[in-house]
Protein backbone atom coordinates (compact mmCIF):
# COMPACT_ATOMS: atom_id res chain seq x y z
CA MET A 1 25.88 -13.53 -30.13
CA ALA A 2 22.89 -13.78 -28.34
CA LEU A 3 20.22 -15.97 -29.93
CA ILE A 4 17.06 -14.28 -30.87
CA PRO A 5 13.23 -16.74 -30.81
CA LYS A 6 12.32 -16.61 -34.97
CA SER A 7 8.95 -16.54 -33.49
CA LEU A 8 9.01 -12.45 -32.79
CA ASP A 9 7.94 -10.05 -35.64
CA PRO A 10 9.71 -7.10 -36.23
CA SER A 11 8.63 -4.64 -34.12
CA THR A 12 9.14 -6.21 -30.87
CA MET A 13 12.52 -7.10 -31.73
CA ALA A 14 13.31 -3.54 -31.81
CA THR A 15 12.40 -4.08 -27.68
CA THR A 16 14.20 -6.88 -27.69
CA THR A 17 17.01 -6.18 -24.65
CA LEU A 18 19.51 -8.86 -25.34
CA LEU A 19 21.50 -10.14 -21.33
CA SER A 20 24.56 -9.47 -23.08
CA SER A 21 26.76 -6.76 -20.36
CA SER A 22 29.35 -6.89 -23.75
CA PHE A 23 26.96 -5.96 -26.32
CA SER A 24 26.93 -2.49 -27.45
CA MET A 25 24.38 -1.15 -29.72
CA PRO A 26 24.80 0.75 -32.83
CA ALA A 27 23.35 4.32 -32.02
CA ALA A 28 20.52 3.91 -34.61
CA ALA A 29 19.06 0.75 -32.46
CA ALA A 30 19.61 2.49 -29.87
CA ALA A 31 17.22 5.80 -30.25
CA ALA A 32 14.74 3.28 -32.49
CA ARG A 33 14.81 1.46 -28.84
CA ARG A 34 14.45 4.61 -26.42
CA SER A 35 11.26 6.08 -28.75
CA THR A 36 9.42 3.33 -28.33
CA THR A 37 9.95 2.67 -25.10
CA ALA A 38 8.91 6.20 -24.27
CA SER A 39 5.90 5.38 -25.84
CA ALA A 40 5.63 1.59 -24.52
CA SER A 41 5.51 4.08 -21.16
CA SER A 42 3.36 5.63 -22.66
CA LEU A 43 0.54 4.15 -22.59
CA GLY A 44 1.15 3.16 -18.83
CA PHE A 45 3.21 -0.42 -19.88
CA ALA A 46 6.57 -1.59 -18.31
CA THR A 47 8.85 -2.96 -20.02
CA SER A 48 11.22 -6.29 -18.13
CA GLN A 49 14.46 -5.90 -18.04
CA LEU A 50 14.82 -9.75 -17.99
CA ALA A 51 12.61 -10.75 -20.84
CA GLY A 52 13.48 -7.56 -22.34
CA LEU A 53 9.32 -7.86 -23.63
CA SER A 54 6.68 -5.24 -22.51
CA LEU A 55 4.23 -6.68 -19.78
CA GLY A 56 1.17 -6.16 -19.27
CA VAL A 57 1.24 -4.23 -16.36
CA SER A 58 0.47 -0.41 -15.39
CA THR A 59 2.86 1.85 -13.79
CA SER A 60 0.47 3.47 -11.34
CA THR A 61 -0.37 -0.17 -9.75
CA THR A 62 3.24 -0.28 -9.11
CA ALA A 63 3.56 2.82 -8.20
CA ALA A 64 0.24 1.78 -5.86
CA VAL A 65 2.94 -1.53 -3.71
CA GLY A 66 4.71 0.31 -1.84
CA PRO A 67 8.52 -1.58 -0.64
CA LEU A 68 7.32 -5.15 2.16
CA PRO A 69 7.51 -4.55 5.17
CA LYS A 70 9.71 -5.99 7.04
CA GLN A 71 9.65 -8.51 9.32
CA GLN A 72 10.63 -8.07 12.86
CA LEU A 73 13.12 -10.74 13.77
CA GLN A 74 12.30 -14.31 16.24
CA PRO A 75 15.03 -14.19 18.94
CA ILE A 76 17.49 -17.25 18.96
CA VAL A 77 16.46 -19.77 20.84
CA ALA A 78 19.81 -21.43 22.17
CA ARG A 79 19.17 -25.97 22.70
CA ARG A 80 19.72 -27.16 25.14
CA VAL A 81 20.88 -25.26 27.59
CA CYS A 82 19.67 -24.48 31.22
CA PRO A 83 18.08 -20.60 31.02
CA PHE A 84 18.93 -20.76 34.59
CA THR A 85 22.45 -21.60 35.06
CA GLY A 86 23.34 -21.10 31.38
CA LYS A 87 24.65 -24.40 31.77
CA LYS A 88 25.16 -25.49 28.69
CA THR A 89 25.95 -29.06 26.02
CA ASN A 90 29.59 -30.02 26.51
CA ARG A 91 32.37 -31.24 24.08
CA ALA A 92 34.42 -34.28 25.73
CA ASN A 93 37.34 -37.24 24.75
CA LYS A 94 35.77 -40.52 25.33
CA VAL A 95 38.72 -42.19 26.43
CA SER A 96 39.42 -45.86 25.88
CA PHE A 97 41.18 -48.44 27.54
CA SER A 98 43.75 -47.71 24.68
CA ASN A 99 43.68 -44.15 25.22
CA HIS A 100 41.98 -43.92 21.73
CA LYS A 101 40.50 -40.52 22.11
CA THR A 102 37.23 -40.30 20.57
CA LYS A 103 35.26 -36.44 20.51
CA THR A 104 32.18 -36.95 21.72
CA GLN A 105 28.98 -34.43 24.19
CA GLN A 106 27.96 -34.20 27.67
CA PHE A 107 24.52 -33.08 27.50
CA VAL A 108 22.49 -30.56 30.59
CA ASN A 109 20.23 -32.85 32.26
CA LEU A 110 16.71 -30.76 31.03
CA GLN A 111 13.71 -32.19 32.12
CA TYR A 112 10.48 -29.67 31.58
CA LYS A 113 9.25 -29.57 34.77
CA LYS A 114 5.50 -27.53 36.13
CA LEU A 115 6.29 -25.29 39.44
CA TRP A 116 4.49 -23.40 41.33
CA TRP A 117 4.88 -19.40 41.54
CA GLU A 118 4.53 -17.61 44.08
CA ALA A 119 4.10 -13.98 43.47
CA GLY A 120 1.86 -15.08 40.55
CA LYS A 121 -0.52 -17.53 42.19
CA ARG A 122 -0.09 -20.04 39.52
CA PHE A 123 2.33 -23.26 37.92
CA VAL A 124 4.57 -22.12 35.78
CA LYS A 125 5.96 -24.72 33.07
CA LEU A 126 10.30 -24.32 32.63
CA ARG A 127 12.07 -27.01 30.97
CA LEU A 128 15.47 -26.34 33.14
CA SER A 129 18.30 -28.35 34.38
CA THR A 130 18.28 -30.68 37.45
CA LYS A 131 20.87 -28.52 39.15
CA ALA A 132 19.01 -25.26 37.99
CA LEU A 133 16.14 -27.70 40.42
CA LYS A 134 18.14 -28.28 43.21
CA THR A 135 18.71 -24.35 43.71
CA ILE A 136 15.28 -23.62 43.36
CA GLU A 137 14.69 -25.11 46.05
CA LYS A 138 17.32 -24.30 48.63
CA HIS A 139 16.78 -20.52 46.98
CA GLY A 140 12.91 -20.21 45.73
CA LEU A 141 11.69 -19.77 42.64
CA ASP A 142 11.69 -16.13 42.63
CA ALA A 143 15.28 -15.56 43.01
CA VAL A 144 16.80 -17.89 41.28
CA ALA A 145 14.05 -16.06 38.66
CA ARG A 146 15.20 -12.53 39.38
CA LYS A 147 18.57 -13.75 39.90
CA ALA A 148 18.81 -15.17 36.19
CA GLY A 149 17.19 -12.33 34.97
CA ILE A 150 13.92 -14.60 33.68
CA ASP A 151 10.82 -12.83 34.04
CA LEU A 152 8.60 -15.79 35.23
CA ASN A 153 5.08 -13.20 33.28
CA LYS A 154 5.50 -14.70 29.63
CA LYS A 155 6.04 -17.98 30.44
């Protein structure tokens, strides 16, 4: 049986909703509750289903507030991955002299570099691996970015 606070008077006890789902209300009490909620809604008050007490919020203001707009999902940015070559962290075994294997990670050698972009006539700051830097020196920034599918205008 749910506990009802002693501070409630009999007129508000009819509008009190018990949170127990196994509790069944007698027919007379249910009719009394329906009539009090109907009078409460005609007064412009909404009843709370959680606390069972009437709230001082009019239904016209709650109807004016529509559903919240969906937020744009931010793209997931992978860490420690070279965008040009796709190189990422490798899991390997560190093998001791006694042939005891311990898991370890081999990270990519990522560097922040400002490179001159000839087509855009400006510097572009990139985080790339040293292997990608050597490839850019050999083939050019435009060719490597085009092959990797990277738009340099955004960066």
